């Protein structure tokens, strides 16, 4: 595998196959909180099942909260007889740059129906710009036997059918600490994931890395599926592009709703920090 040293260098400076092309709907609630240098809005679907999933998204402190250490908790909580999901997104907009997600959970052990998404998104340009979506996802997509639960994607993937636009990797963590990141530039996206929370992460702790480059002749423009988007190589950031973090339930049985966790238990992920380093 070609070694991509760009991301470890960025860490030193600063001491999402994707099986869906669904639109996370904007929040109807107004709950916000300050964390990791951003104001975050908590998504609330007001008892409506919406994408991704579709699922119920609650803005309660049972689904989203900060602990005494300042770490963010996202939880699929069982409330009033229903599993409810969590999503937050930044009030501030973002653009080209490096996005770093420091995780404090065994994301390799999520239930087969649980998806953790770490991605960029805007609500207004699905047709022309595939919603500015660059993805990192931890998911088994309904199959407990799926060995590749870490997914890097540049949208559109057409539900994972555009295989050159997405890569899946096996993940076996040796602790509840890991880092994943992507560097989004005009014409190129680099992803990486590492064991531990070292800054910079040593290359010996590498879990996975991938580069999507528009200069690669195999990376042809592609159109999306659910919104019939125009052919595109890499989406651009726009004036309303934001960071999104979500924990949701995958619809493995294709009935239009996210499936219950197969183990019947609630699911929780802890995120220590999110860093965004704009391109100069």
C-alpha atoms as a PDB file:
ATOM      1  CA  UNK A   1       0.000   0.000   0.000  1.00  0.00           C
ATOM      2  CA  UNK A   2       1.300   3.462  -0.905  1.00  0.00           C
ATOM      3  CA  UNK A   3       2.271   5.393   2.204  1.00  0.00           C
ATOM      4  CA  UNK A   4       0.545   8.743   2.588  1.00  0.00           C
ATOM      5  CA  UNK A   5       2.448  10.851   5.077  1.00  0.00           C
ATOM      6  CA  UNK A   6       0.332  13.985   4.681  1.00  0.00           C
ATOM      7  CA  UNK A   7      -2.006  13.376   7.621  1.00  0.00           C
ATOM      8  CA  UNK A   8       0.622  12.526  10.249  1.00  0.00           C
ATOM      9  CA  UNK A   9       2.451  15.736   9.300  1.00  0.00           C
ATOM     10  CA  UNK A  10      -0.748  17.722   9.777  1.00  0.00           C
ATOM     11  CA  UNK A  11      -1.185  16.260  13.256  1.00  0.00           C
ATOM     12  CA  UNK A  12       2.281  17.499  14.110  1.00  0.00           C
ATOM     13  CA  UNK A  13       1.433  20.988  12.922  1.00  0.00           C
ATOM     14  CA  UNK A  14      -1.706  21.228  14.996  1.00  0.00           C
ATOM     15  CA  UNK A  15      -0.236  19.893  18.498  1.00  0.00           C
ATOM     16  CA  UNK A  16     -17.833   7.286   5.188  1.00  0.00           C
ATOM     17  CA  UNK A  17     -18.509   0.718   0.982  1.00  0.00           C
ATOM     18  CA  UNK A  18     -21.054   3.523   1.780  1.00  0.00           C
ATOM     19  CA  UNK A  19     -24.418   1.777   1.563  1.00  0.00           C
ATOM     20  CA  UNK A  20     -26.539   4.912   1.556  1.00  0.00           C
ATOM     21  CA  UNK A  21     -26.986   8.091  -0.403  1.00  0.00           C
ATOM     22  CA  UNK A  22     -29.619   9.417   1.984  1.00  0.00           C
ATOM     23  CA  UNK A  23     -30.092  12.974   3.151  1.00  0.00           C
ATOM     24  CA  UNK A  24     -29.762  13.813   6.835  1.00  0.00           C
ATOM     25  CA  UNK A  25     -32.600  16.296   7.313  1.00  0.00           C
ATOM     26  CA  UNK A  26     -31.958  19.610   9.066  1.00  0.00           C
ATOM     27  CA  UNK A  27     -32.835  19.864  12.720  1.00  0.00           C
ATOM     28  CA  UNK A  28     -36.193  21.253  13.723  1.00  0.00           C
ATOM     29  CA  UNK A  29     -34.997  21.849  17.278  1.00  0.00           C
ATOM     30  CA  UNK A  30     -32.892  24.632  18.727  1.00  0.00           C
ATOM     31  CA  UNK A  31     -30.759  22.875  21.305  1.00  0.00           C
ATOM     32  CA  UNK A  32     -27.118  23.927  20.962  1.00  0.00           C
ATOM     33  CA  UNK A  33     -23.895  23.508  22.919  1.00  0.00           C
ATOM     34  CA  UNK A  34     -20.264  24.648  22.682  1.00  0.00           C
ATOM     35  CA  UNK A  35     -17.588  22.027  22.067  1.00  0.00           C
ATOM     36  CA  UNK A  36     -14.307  21.610  20.157  1.00  0.00           C
ATOM     37  CA  UNK A  37     -14.300  25.228  19.064  1.00  0.00           C
ATOM     38  CA  UNK A  38     -17.756  25.077  17.449  1.00  0.00           C
ATOM     39  CA  UNK A  39     -21.365  25.700  18.323  1.00  0.00           C
ATOM     40  CA  UNK A  40     -23.187  22.412  17.693  1.00  0.00           C
ATOM     41  CA  UNK A  41     -26.866  22.039  16.820  1.00  0.00           C
ATOM     42  CA  UNK A  42     -28.634  18.849  17.943  1.00  0.00           C
ATOM     43  CA  UNK A  43     -30.860  17.278  15.308  1.00  0.00           C
ATOM     44  CA  UNK A  44     -34.470  16.697  16.325  1.00  0.00           C
ATOM     45  CA  UNK A  45     -37.073  15.024  14.129  1.00  0.00           C
ATOM     46  CA  UNK A  46     -40.070  15.702  16.395  1.00  0.00           C
ATOM     47  CA  UNK A  47     -41.319  12.113  16.370  1.00  0.00           C
ATOM     48  CA  UNK A  48     -40.942  11.813  12.593  1.00  0.00           C
ATOM     49  CA  UNK A  49     -38.826   9.075  11.038  1.00  0.00           C
ATOM     50  CA  UNK A  50     -36.290  10.797   8.792  1.00  0.00           C
ATOM     51  CA  UNK A  51     -33.005   9.997   7.079  1.00  0.00           C
ATOM     52  CA  UNK A  52     -30.661   8.409   7.446  1.00  0.00           C
ATOM     53  CA  UNK A  53     -32.405   5.178   8.265  1.00  0.00           C
ATOM     54  CA  UNK A  54     -35.134   6.344   8.481  1.00  0.00           C
ATOM     55  CA  UNK A  55     -34.931   6.915  12.229  1.00  0.00           C
ATOM     56  CA  UNK A  56     -36.180   9.011  15.110  1.00  0.00           C
ATOM     57  CA  UNK A  57     -33.608  11.657  16.087  1.00  0.00           C
ATOM     58  CA  UNK A  58     -33.957  13.103  19.582  1.00  0.00           C
ATOM     59  CA  UNK A  59     -32.248  16.181  20.983  1.00  0.00           C
ATOM     60  CA  UNK A  60     -32.572  14.953  24.575  1.00  0.00           C
ATOM     61  CA  UNK A  61     -29.675  14.727  27.010  1.00  0.00           C
ATOM     62  CA  UNK A  62     -30.212  10.957  26.935  1.00  0.00           C
ATOM     63  CA  UNK A  63     -29.013  10.987  23.304  1.00  0.00           C
ATOM     64  CA  UNK A  64     -26.438  13.794  23.247  1.00  0.00           C
ATOM     65  CA  UNK A  65     -24.408  15.208  26.141  1.00  0.00           C
ATOM     66  CA  UNK A  66     -20.982  16.352  27.315  1.00  0.00           C
ATOM     67  CA  UNK A  67     -19.426  14.569  30.284  1.00  0.00           C
ATOM     68  CA  UNK A  68     -17.279  16.049  33.076  1.00  0.00           C
ATOM     69  CA  UNK A  69     -14.143  15.581  30.943  1.00  0.00           C
ATOM     70  CA  UNK A  70     -15.664  17.574  28.098  1.00  0.00           C
ATOM     71  CA  UNK A  71     -16.130  14.519  25.859  1.00  0.00           C
ATOM     72  CA  UNK A  72     -19.138  14.238  23.563  1.00  0.00           C
ATOM     73  CA  UNK A  73     -21.483  11.262  23.948  1.00  0.00           C
ATOM     74  CA  UNK A  74     -23.772  10.153  21.104  1.00  0.00           C
ATOM     75  CA  UNK A  75     -26.249   7.471  22.103  1.00  0.00           C
ATOM     76  CA  UNK A  76     -28.922   5.337  20.504  1.00  0.00           C
ATOM     77  CA  UNK A  77     -31.241   5.388  23.507  1.00  0.00           C
ATOM     78  CA  UNK A  78     -34.358   3.339  24.187  1.00  0.00           C
ATOM     79  CA  UNK A  79     -36.992   5.906  25.104  1.00  0.00           C
ATOM     80  CA  UNK A  80     -40.726   5.264  25.496  1.00  0.00           C
ATOM     81  CA  UNK A  81     -40.507   1.897  23.778  1.00  0.00           C
ATOM     82  CA  UNK A  82     -38.503   3.107  20.761  1.00  0.00           C
ATOM     83  CA  UNK A  83     -34.831   3.278  19.804  1.00  0.00           C
ATOM     84  CA  UNK A  84     -33.896   6.911  19.175  1.00  0.00           C
ATOM     85  CA  UNK A  85     -30.787   8.136  17.365  1.00  0.00           C
ATOM     86  CA  UNK A  86     -28.384  11.058  17.691  1.00  0.00           C
ATOM     87  CA  UNK A  87     -26.915  13.613  15.313  1.00  0.00           C
ATOM     88  CA  UNK A  88     -25.157  16.945  15.785  1.00  0.00           C
ATOM     89  CA  UNK A  89     -23.749  19.430  13.310  1.00  0.00           C
ATOM     90  CA  UNK A  90     -21.815  22.673  13.464  1.00  0.00           C
ATOM     91  CA  UNK A  91     -23.491  26.045  13.285  1.00  0.00           C
ATOM     92  CA  UNK A  92     -20.286  27.330  11.695  1.00  0.00           C
ATOM     93  CA  UNK A  93     -19.450  26.422   8.117  1.00  0.00           C
ATOM     94  CA  UNK A  94     -16.292  24.677   6.917  1.00  0.00           C
ATOM     95  CA  UNK A  95     -14.363  24.326   3.677  1.00  0.00           C
ATOM     96  CA  UNK A  96     -11.229  22.657   2.329  1.00  0.00           C
ATOM     97  CA  UNK A  97      -8.882  21.462   5.031  1.00  0.00           C
ATOM     98  CA  UNK A  98      -8.150  18.603   7.419  1.00  0.00           C
ATOM     99  CA  UNK A  99     -10.781  17.042   9.680  1.00  0.00           C
ATOM    100  CA  UNK A 100      -9.645  15.026  12.704  1.00  0.00           C
ATOM    101  CA  UNK A 101     -11.913  12.896  14.912  1.00  0.00           C
ATOM    102  CA  UNK A 102     -10.533  11.597  18.216  1.00  0.00           C
ATOM    103  CA  UNK A 103     -12.605   8.657  19.437  1.00  0.00           C
ATOM    104  CA  UNK A 104     -12.814   7.175  22.938  1.00  0.00           C
ATOM    105  CA  UNK A 105     -14.882   4.062  22.182  1.00  0.00           C
ATOM    106  CA  UNK A 106     -14.426   0.598  20.718  1.00  0.00           C
ATOM    107  CA  UNK A 107     -16.001   1.574  17.426  1.00  0.00           C
ATOM    108  CA  UNK A 108     -14.867  -1.777  16.019  1.00  0.00           C
ATOM    109  CA  UNK A 109     -17.414  -3.477  18.293  1.00  0.00           C
ATOM    110  CA  UNK A 110     -20.577  -1.634  17.275  1.00  0.00           C
ATOM    111  CA  UNK A 111     -23.681  -3.734  16.729  1.00  0.00           C
ATOM    112  CA  UNK A 112     -24.178  -4.842  13.125  1.00  0.00           C
ATOM    113  CA  UNK A 113     -27.116  -2.441  12.691  1.00  0.00           C
ATOM    114  CA  UNK A 114     -25.409   0.612  14.219  1.00  0.00           C
ATOM    115  CA  UNK A 115     -23.655   3.227  12.072  1.00  0.00           C
ATOM    116  CA  UNK A 116     -21.293   5.958  13.270  1.00  0.00           C
ATOM    117  CA  UNK A 117     -20.951   8.737  10.688  1.00  0.00           C
ATOM    118  CA  UNK A 118     -18.306  11.485  10.671  1.00  0.00           C
ATOM    119  CA  UNK A 119     -18.738  13.645   7.582  1.00  0.00           C
ATOM    120  CA  UNK A 120     -19.244  16.978   5.845  1.00  0.00           C
ATOM    121  CA  UNK A 121     -22.624  18.008   4.465  1.00  0.00           C
ATOM    122  CA  UNK A 122     -24.746  20.839   3.136  1.00  0.00           C
ATOM    123  CA  UNK A 123     -28.510  20.712   2.787  1.00  0.00           C
ATOM    124  CA  UNK A 124     -28.993  22.509  -0.495  1.00  0.00           C
ATOM    125  CA  UNK A 125     -26.906  21.080  -3.333  1.00  0.00           C
ATOM    126  CA  UNK A 126     -27.632  17.383  -3.772  1.00  0.00           C
ATOM    127  CA  UNK A 127     -28.255  17.695  -7.497  1.00  0.00           C
ATOM    128  CA  UNK A 128     -25.248  19.846  -8.394  1.00  0.00           C
ATOM    129  CA  UNK A 129     -22.692  18.982  -5.714  1.00  0.00           C
ATOM    130  CA  UNK A 130     -23.832  15.823  -3.854  1.00  0.00           C
ATOM    131  CA  UNK A 131     -24.259  17.875  -0.677  1.00  0.00           C
ATOM    132  CA  UNK A 132     -20.501  18.462  -0.236  1.00  0.00           C
ATOM    133  CA  UNK A 133     -20.347  15.012   1.368  1.00  0.00           C
ATOM    134  CA  UNK A 134     -17.046  13.394   2.355  1.00  0.00           C
ATOM    135  CA  UNK A 135     -17.523  10.393   4.663  1.00  0.00           C
ATOM    136  CA  UNK A 136     -15.949   8.314   7.384  1.00  0.00           C
ATOM    137  CA  UNK A 137     -18.270   5.587   8.674  1.00  0.00           C
ATOM    138  CA  UNK A 138     -17.945   2.719  11.114  1.00  0.00           C
ATOM    139  CA  UNK A 139     -20.587   0.154  10.143  1.00  0.00           C
ATOM    140  CA  UNK A 140     -21.158  -3.505   9.330  1.00  0.00           C
ATOM    141  CA  UNK A 141     -24.285  -2.674   7.299  1.00  0.00           C
ATOM    142  CA  UNK A 142     -26.450  -5.337   8.908  1.00  0.00           C
ATOM    143  CA  UNK A 143     -23.959  -8.211   8.569  1.00  0.00           C
ATOM    144  CA  UNK A 144     -22.222  -9.369  11.741  1.00  0.00           C
ATOM    145  CA  UNK A 145     -19.789 -11.337   9.575  1.00  0.00           C
ATOM    146  CA  UNK A 146     -18.655  -8.243   7.677  1.00  0.00           C
ATOM    147  CA  UNK A 147     -14.933  -7.900   8.497  1.00  0.00           C
ATOM    148  CA  UNK A 148     -14.623  -4.415   6.972  1.00  0.00           C
ATOM    149  CA  UNK A 149     -16.330  -1.985   9.300  1.00  0.00           C
ATOM    150  CA  UNK A 150     -14.327   1.182   8.526  1.00  0.00           C
ATOM    151  CA  UNK A 151     -15.508   2.976   5.386  1.00  0.00           C
ATOM    152  CA  UNK A 152     -14.012   5.969   3.556  1.00  0.00           C
ATOM    153  CA  UNK A 153     -16.160   7.482   0.781  1.00  0.00           C
ATOM    154  CA  UNK A 154     -16.379  10.420  -1.587  1.00  0.00           C
ATOM    155  CA  UNK A 155     -19.963  10.973  -2.680  1.00  0.00           C
ATOM    156  CA  UNK A 156     -21.798  10.010  -4.749  1.00  0.00           C
ATOM    157  CA  UNK A 157     -21.218   6.277  -4.322  1.00  0.00           C
ATOM    158  CA  UNK A 158     -24.621   5.174  -5.680  1.00  0.00           C
ATOM    159  CA  UNK A 159     -25.227   3.054  -2.616  1.00  0.00           C
ATOM    160  CA  UNK A 160     -21.674   1.690  -2.735  1.00  0.00           C
ATOM    161  CA  UNK A 161     -21.963   0.534  -6.348  1.00  0.00           C
ATOM    162  CA  UNK A 162     -19.333   2.993  -7.584  1.00  0.00           C
ATOM    163  CA  UNK A 163     -16.532   0.939  -6.103  1.00  0.00           C
ATOM    164  CA  UNK A 164     -13.750   3.354  -7.048  1.00  0.00           C
ATOM    165  CA  UNK A 165     -15.340   6.014  -4.806  1.00  0.00           C
ATOM    166  CA  UNK A 166     -15.314   4.045  -1.561  1.00  0.00           C
ATOM    167  CA  UNK A 167     -13.008   1.753   0.399  1.00  0.00           C
ATOM    168  CA  UNK A 168     -13.701  -0.538   3.350  1.00  0.00           C
ATOM    169  CA  UNK A 169     -11.101  -1.771   5.825  1.00  0.00           C
ATOM    170  CA  UNK A 170     -10.963  -4.235   8.712  1.00  0.00           C
ATOM    171  CA  UNK A 171     -10.679  -2.649  12.147  1.00  0.00           C
ATOM    172  CA  UNK A 172      -9.457  -4.400  15.274  1.00  0.00           C
ATOM    173  CA  UNK A 173      -8.688  -1.919  18.007  1.00  0.00           C
ATOM    174  CA  UNK A 174      -6.474  -2.832  20.953  1.00  0.00           C
ATOM    175  CA  UNK A 175      -7.911  -0.052  23.135  1.00  0.00           C
ATOM    176  CA  UNK A 176     -10.803   2.407  23.284  1.00  0.00           C
ATOM    177  CA  UNK A 177      -8.717   5.192  21.736  1.00  0.00           C
ATOM    178  CA  UNK A 178      -8.336   5.882  18.016  1.00  0.00           C
ATOM    179  CA  UNK A 179      -8.030   8.712  15.516  1.00  0.00           C
ATOM    180  CA  UNK A 180      -9.509   8.993  12.048  1.00  0.00           C
ATOM    181  CA  UNK A 181      -9.238  11.911   9.657  1.00  0.00           C
ATOM    182  CA  UNK A 182      -9.502  13.155   6.121  1.00  0.00           C
ATOM    183  CA  UNK A 183      -7.787  15.942   4.245  1.00  0.00           C
ATOM    184  CA  UNK A 184     -10.101  17.509   1.635  1.00  0.00           C
ATOM    185  CA  UNK A 185      -8.414  19.533  -1.094  1.00  0.00           C
ATOM    186  CA  UNK A 186      -9.364  20.537  -4.647  1.00  0.00           C
ATOM    187  CA  UNK A 187      -8.886  17.378  -6.706  1.00  0.00           C
ATOM    188  CA  UNK A 188      -7.823  15.093  -3.847  1.00  0.00           C
ATOM    189  CA  UNK A 189      -9.034  13.559  -0.590  1.00  0.00           C
ATOM    190  CA  UNK A 190      -6.766  11.602   1.781  1.00  0.00           C
ATOM    191  CA  UNK A 191      -8.126   9.485   4.656  1.00  0.00           C
ATOM    192  CA  UNK A 192      -6.289   7.781   7.522  1.00  0.00           C
ATOM    193  CA  UNK A 193      -7.072   5.979  10.771  1.00  0.00           C
ATOM    194  CA  UNK A 194      -4.750   5.098  13.652  1.00  0.00           C
ATOM    195  CA  UNK A 195      -4.785   3.219  16.922  1.00  0.00           C
ATOM    196  CA  UNK A 196      -4.399   5.416  19.990  1.00  0.00           C
ATOM    197  CA  UNK A 197      -4.601   9.176  20.468  1.00  0.00           C
ATOM    198  CA  UNK A 198      -0.968  10.165  19.917  1.00  0.00           C
ATOM    199  CA  UNK A 199      -0.288  13.542  18.325  1.00  0.00           C
ATOM    200  CA  UNK A 200       1.206  13.008  15.826  1.00  0.00           C
ATOM    201  CA  UNK A 201       0.185   9.355  15.413  1.00  0.00           C
ATOM    202  CA  UNK A 202       3.112   7.032  14.658  1.00  0.00           C
ATOM    203  CA  UNK A 203       2.891   5.272  11.316  1.00  0.00           C
ATOM    204  CA  UNK A 204       3.255   1.949  13.136  1.00  0.00           C
ATOM    205  CA  UNK A 205      -0.247   2.539  14.582  1.00  0.00           C
ATOM    206  CA  UNK A 206      -1.840   2.907  11.148  1.00  0.00           C
ATOM    207  CA  UNK A 207      -5.156   1.077  10.696  1.00  0.00           C
ATOM    208  CA  UNK A 208      -6.005   2.212   7.180  1.00  0.00           C
ATOM    209  CA  UNK A 209      -5.309   4.913   4.612  1.00  0.00           C
ATOM    210  CA  UNK A 210      -6.659   5.804   1.203  1.00  0.00           C
ATOM    211  CA  UNK A 211      -6.354   8.523  -1.415  1.00  0.00           C
ATOM    212  CA  UNK A 212      -8.949   9.550  -3.995  1.00  0.00           C
ATOM    213  CA  UNK A 213      -7.359  11.666  -6.708  1.00  0.00           C
ATOM    214  CA  UNK A 214      -9.109  13.224  -9.700  1.00  0.00           C
ATOM    215  CA  UNK A 215      -5.912  12.747 -11.734  1.00  0.00           C
ATOM    216  CA  UNK A 216      -6.382   8.969 -11.485  1.00  0.00           C
ATOM    217  CA  UNK A 217      -7.921   7.891 -14.798  1.00  0.00           C
ATOM    218  CA  UNK A 218     -10.037   5.295 -12.977  1.00  0.00           C
ATOM    219  CA  UNK A 219     -11.788   8.037 -11.011  1.00  0.00           C
ATOM    220  CA  UNK A 220     -14.326   9.205 -13.562  1.00  0.00           C
ATOM    221  CA  UNK A 221     -17.201  11.637 -12.837  1.00  0.00           C
ATOM    222  CA  UNK A 222     -20.237   9.902 -11.357  1.00  0.00           C
ATOM    223  CA  UNK A 223     -23.836  10.858 -10.750  1.00  0.00           C
ATOM    224  CA  UNK A 224     -25.755  10.070  -7.593  1.00  0.00           C
ATOM    225  CA  UNK A 225     -28.714   7.770  -7.134  1.00  0.00           C
ATOM    226  CA  UNK A 226     -31.411   8.973  -4.744  1.00  0.00           C
ATOM    227  CA  UNK A 227     -31.366  12.581  -5.972  1.00  0.00           C
ATOM    228  CA  UNK A 228     -30.104  11.889  -9.533  1.00  0.00           C
ATOM    229  CA  UNK A 229     -27.160  14.221  -9.044  1.00  0.00           C
ATOM    230  CA  UNK A 230     -25.050  15.461 -11.908  1.00  0.00           C
ATOM    231  CA  UNK A 231     -21.745  13.660 -12.664  1.00  0.00           C
ATOM    232  CA  UNK A 232     -18.972  14.877 -10.411  1.00  0.00           C
ATOM    233  CA  UNK A 233     -15.474  13.746  -9.410  1.00  0.00           C
ATOM    234  CA  UNK A 234     -15.171  15.303  -5.965  1.00  0.00           C
ATOM    235  CA  UNK A 235     -17.801  17.551  -4.367  1.00  0.00           C
ATOM    236  CA  UNK A 236     -16.725  21.047  -3.385  1.00  0.00           C
ATOM    237  CA  UNK A 237     -17.378  22.780  -0.078  1.00  0.00           C
ATOM    238  CA  UNK A 238     -20.059  25.451  -0.291  1.00  0.00           C
ATOM    239  CA  UNK A 239     -21.111  28.408   1.822  1.00  0.00           C
ATOM    240  CA  UNK A 240     -23.326  26.190   4.020  1.00  0.00           C
ATOM    241  CA  UNK A 241     -21.119  23.093   4.355  1.00  0.00           C
ATOM    242  CA  UNK A 242     -20.868  21.864   7.954  1.00  0.00           C
ATOM    243  CA  UNK A 243     -19.421  19.004  10.021  1.00  0.00           C
ATOM    244  CA  UNK A 244     -21.930  16.306  11.013  1.00  0.00           C
ATOM    245  CA  UNK A 245     -21.573  13.509  13.568  1.00  0.00           C
ATOM    246  CA  UNK A 246     -24.275  10.881  13.871  1.00  0.00           C
ATOM    247  CA  UNK A 247     -25.106   7.509  15.394  1.00  0.00           C
ATOM    248  CA  UNK A 248     -28.008   5.768  13.686  1.00  0.00           C
ATOM    249  CA  UNK A 249     -29.633   2.458  12.777  1.00  0.00           C
ATOM    250  CA  UNK A 250     -29.243   0.855   9.364  1.00  0.00           C
ATOM    251  CA  UNK A 251     -32.253  -0.507   7.476  1.00  0.00           C
ATOM    252  CA  UNK A 252     -30.944  -4.015   6.764  1.00  0.00           C
ATOM    253  CA  UNK A 253     -34.355  -5.511   5.991  1.00  0.00           C
ATOM    254  CA  UNK A 254     -35.291  -2.683   3.567  1.00  0.00           C
ATOM    255  CA  UNK A 255     -38.629  -1.874   5.198  1.00  0.00           C
ATOM    256  CA  UNK A 256     -37.923   1.861   5.194  1.00  0.00           C
ATOM    257  CA  UNK A 257     -36.975   2.128   8.881  1.00  0.00           C
ATOM    258  CA  UNK A 258     -33.762   1.634  10.801  1.00  0.00           C
ATOM    259  CA  UNK A 259     -33.573  -1.829  12.378  1.00  0.00           C
ATOM    260  CA  UNK A 260     -33.321  -2.359  16.116  1.00  0.00           C
ATOM    261  CA  UNK A 261     -29.834  -3.220  17.423  1.00  0.00           C
ATOM    262  CA  UNK A 262     -29.499  -6.974  16.927  1.00  0.00           C
ATOM    263  CA  UNK A 263     -28.378  -7.426  20.545  1.00  0.00           C
ATOM    264  CA  UNK A 264     -31.366  -5.431  21.808  1.00  0.00           C
ATOM    265  CA  UNK A 265     -29.104  -2.993  23.638  1.00  0.00           C
ATOM    266  CA  UNK A 266     -28.590   0.733  23.467  1.00  0.00           C
ATOM    267  CA  UNK A 267     -25.416   1.914  21.706  1.00  0.00           C
ATOM    268  CA  UNK A 268     -23.064   4.732  22.667  1.00  0.00           C
ATOM    269  CA  UNK A 269     -19.966   6.362  21.194  1.00  0.00           C
ATOM    270  CA  UNK A 270     -17.686   8.859  22.946  1.00  0.00           C
ATOM    271  CA  UNK A 271     -15.774  11.472  20.929  1.00  0.00           C
ATOM    272  CA  UNK A 272     -12.977  13.244  22.732  1.00  0.00           C
ATOM    273  CA  UNK A 273     -12.454  16.033  20.226  1.00  0.00           C
ATOM    274  CA  UNK A 274     -13.017  17.189  16.669  1.00  0.00           C
ATOM    275  CA  UNK A 275     -10.371  19.328  14.981  1.00  0.00           C
ATOM    276  CA  UNK A 276     -10.748  21.302  11.770  1.00  0.00           C
ATOM    277  CA  UNK A 277      -7.654  22.851  10.175  1.00  0.00           C
ATOM    278  CA  UNK A 278      -8.616  25.028   7.198  1.00  0.00           C
ATOM    279  CA  UNK A 279      -6.441  24.961   4.100  1.00  0.00           C
ATOM    280  CA  UNK A 280      -4.267  28.014   3.641  1.00  0.00           C
END
